[in-house]
C-alpha atoms as a PDB file:
ATOM      1  CA  MET A   1      -1.213 -81.998  17.504  1.00  0.00           C
ATOM      2  CA  THR A   2      -0.202 -78.828  18.910  1.00  0.00           C
ATOM      3  CA  ALA A   3      -0.751 -77.194  22.145  1.00  0.00           C
ATOM      4  CA  LYS A   4      -3.670 -75.190  20.845  1.00  0.00           C
ATOM      5  CA  GLN A   5      -5.140 -77.952  19.051  1.00  0.00           C
ATOM      6  CA  THR A   6      -5.130 -79.946  22.388  1.00  0.00           C
ATOM      7  CA  LEU A   7      -6.888 -77.366  24.180  1.00  0.00           C
ATOM      8  CA  LYS A   8      -9.488 -77.144  21.510  1.00  0.00           C
ATOM      9  CA  ALA A   9     -10.075 -81.075  21.628  1.00  0.00           C
ATOM     10  CA  VAL A  10     -10.084 -81.040  25.720  1.00  0.00           C
ATOM     11  CA  PHE A  11     -12.557 -78.084  25.767  1.00  0.00           C
ATOM     12  CA  ASP A  12     -14.945 -79.648  23.016  1.00  0.00           C
ATOM     13  CA  LEU A  13     -14.508 -83.325  25.149  1.00  0.00           C
ATOM     14  CA  LEU A  14     -15.582 -81.631  28.301  1.00  0.00           C
ATOM     15  CA  ILE A  15     -18.548 -79.890  27.020  1.00  0.00           C
ATOM     16  CA  ASP A  16     -19.812 -82.647  24.479  1.00  0.00           C
ATOM     17  CA  GLU A  17     -18.993 -85.689  26.474  1.00  0.00           C
ATOM     18  CA  TYR A  18     -19.025 -84.686  30.002  1.00  0.00           C
ATOM     19  CA  ASP A  19     -21.686 -81.978  29.792  1.00  0.00           C
ATOM     20  CA  ALA A  20     -19.457 -79.527  31.676  1.00  0.00           C
ATOM     21  CA  ASP A  21     -21.067 -76.230  32.497  1.00  0.00           C
ATOM     22  CA  PRO A  22     -19.625 -73.507  30.101  1.00  0.00           C
ATOM     23  CA  ARG A  23     -20.213 -71.097  32.858  1.00  0.00           C
ATOM     24  CA  ASN A  24     -17.764 -72.566  35.256  1.00  0.00           C
ATOM     25  CA  PRO A  25     -14.688 -70.012  35.713  1.00  0.00           C
ATOM     26  CA  LEU A  26     -12.199 -72.745  34.842  1.00  0.00           C
ATOM     27  CA  ILE A  27     -14.193 -74.313  31.540  1.00  0.00           C
ATOM     28  CA  HIS A  28     -14.942 -70.545  30.515  1.00  0.00           C
ATOM     29  CA  GLU A  29     -11.018 -69.813  30.735  1.00  0.00           C
ATOM     30  CA  LEU A  30     -10.090 -73.046  28.917  1.00  0.00           C
ATOM     31  CA  GLY A  31     -12.452 -72.112  26.086  1.00  0.00           C
ATOM     32  CA  ARG A  32     -10.974 -68.613  26.127  1.00  0.00           C
ATOM     33  CA  LEU A  33      -7.651 -69.980  25.597  1.00  0.00           C
ATOM     34  CA  ALA A  34      -8.523 -72.799  22.973  1.00  0.00           C
ATOM     35  CA  ASN A  35     -10.111 -70.011  20.926  1.00  0.00           C
ATOM     36  CA  SER A  36      -7.790 -67.254  21.498  1.00  0.00           C
ATOM     37  CA  SER A  37      -5.482 -65.810  18.823  1.00  0.00           C
ATOM     38  CA  ASP A  38      -2.295 -65.955  20.779  1.00  0.00           C
ATOM     39  CA  ASP A  39       0.336 -68.367  20.453  1.00  0.00           C
ATOM     40  CA  ILE A  40       0.627 -70.820  23.094  1.00  0.00           C
ATOM     41  CA  PRO A  41       4.232 -71.674  24.419  1.00  0.00           C
ATOM     42  CA  THR A  42       5.656 -74.947  23.223  1.00  0.00           C
ATOM     43  CA  ASP A  43       8.541 -76.510  25.032  1.00  0.00           C
ATOM     44  CA  ASP A  44      11.056 -75.484  22.394  1.00  0.00           C
ATOM     45  CA  ILE A  45      13.953 -73.476  23.548  1.00  0.00           C
ATOM     46  CA  GLU A  46      15.894 -71.124  20.998  1.00  0.00           C
ATOM     47  CA  LEU A  47      19.618 -70.758  21.899  1.00  0.00           C
ATOM     48  CA  THR A  48      22.164 -68.287  20.632  1.00  0.00           C
ATOM     49  CA  ALA A  49      25.621 -68.955  21.002  1.00  0.00           C
ATOM     50  CA  LEU A  50      28.470 -66.501  20.578  1.00  0.00           C
ATOM     51  CA  VAL A  51      31.647 -68.368  19.948  1.00  0.00           C
ATOM     52  CA  GLY A  52      35.005 -66.374  20.570  1.00  0.00           C
ATOM     53  CA  PRO A  53      38.627 -66.915  20.606  1.00  0.00           C
ATOM     54  CA  ASN A  54      40.347 -69.608  22.565  1.00  0.00           C
ATOM     55  CA  GLY A  55      37.028 -71.644  22.716  1.00  0.00           C
ATOM     56  CA  MET A  56      35.109 -68.766  24.988  1.00  0.00           C
ATOM     57  CA  THR A  57      31.474 -69.454  24.409  1.00  0.00           C
ATOM     58  CA  SER A  58      28.500 -67.471  25.576  1.00  0.00           C
ATOM     59  CA  VAL A  59      24.977 -69.152  25.256  1.00  0.00           C
ATOM     60  CA  LYS A  60      21.723 -67.119  25.767  1.00  0.00           C
ATOM     61  CA  ASP A  61      18.031 -68.513  25.636  1.00  0.00           C
ATOM     62  CA  GLN A  62      15.117 -66.732  23.134  1.00  0.00           C
ATOM     63  CA  HIS A  63      14.763 -63.942  26.343  1.00  0.00           C
ATOM     64  CA  GLY A  64      18.309 -63.016  26.443  1.00  0.00           C
ATOM     65  CA  ARG A  65      19.188 -64.754  29.540  1.00  0.00           C
ATOM     66  CA  ARG A  66      22.435 -66.535  29.988  1.00  0.00           C
ATOM     67  CA  VAL A  67      22.441 -70.468  30.150  1.00  0.00           C
ATOM     68  CA  LYS A  68      25.061 -71.193  32.966  1.00  0.00           C
ATOM     69  CA  GLY A  69      26.851 -74.547  33.215  1.00  0.00           C
ATOM     70  CA  VAL A  70      28.008 -74.511  29.457  1.00  0.00           C
ATOM     71  CA  LYS A  71      30.886 -76.807  28.939  1.00  0.00           C
ATOM     72  CA  SER A  72      31.231 -76.652  25.258  1.00  0.00           C
ATOM     73  CA  VAL A  73      29.470 -75.564  22.340  1.00  0.00           C
ATOM     74  CA  ALA A  74      29.651 -77.439  18.767  1.00  0.00           C
ATOM     75  CA  VAL A  75      27.976 -77.217  15.099  1.00  0.00           C
ATOM     76  CA  PHE A  76      28.112 -79.972  12.789  1.00  0.00           C
ATOM     77  CA  GLU A  77      26.100 -82.097  10.415  1.00  0.00           C
ATOM     78  CA  ASP A  78      24.430 -85.366  11.280  1.00  0.00           C
ATOM     79  CA  GLN A  79      24.591 -88.254   8.766  1.00  0.00           C
ATOM     80  CA  HIS A  80      21.739 -86.880   6.879  1.00  0.00           C
ATOM     81  CA  GLY A  81      23.297 -83.856   6.222  1.00  0.00           C
ATOM     82  CA  LYS A  82      21.098 -82.029   8.617  1.00  0.00           C
ATOM     83  CA  PRO A  83      22.605 -79.047  10.853  1.00  0.00           C
ATOM     84  CA  VAL A  84      23.175 -80.026  14.590  1.00  0.00           C
ATOM     85  CA  PHE A  85      23.682 -77.296  17.386  1.00  0.00           C
ATOM     86  CA  GLN A  86      24.841 -79.003  20.263  1.00  0.00           C
ATOM     87  CA  VAL A  87      25.273 -77.566  23.782  1.00  0.00           C
ATOM     88  CA  ASN A  88      27.092 -79.661  26.396  1.00  0.00           C
ATOM     89  CA  LEU A  89      26.217 -78.908  30.181  1.00  0.00           C
END
């Protein structure tokens, strides 16, 4: 279940089962979020690593912010052949 589906389910539950007042500002905002076309952020973090000579690395998040405390970066295939991007802090 995605975050948007969870919000929609909670909104429906509050309205149908708990008789929440849809005019309540909190319930109204929850309904707006559940029905909006905007994506709701997930807990996923996208990382980009630049690997240079002598093991120098630069890791940034999806917003371009530098990730501090990176000790090493590795890319390899797991036992099923899927690529793994590992960042050790």
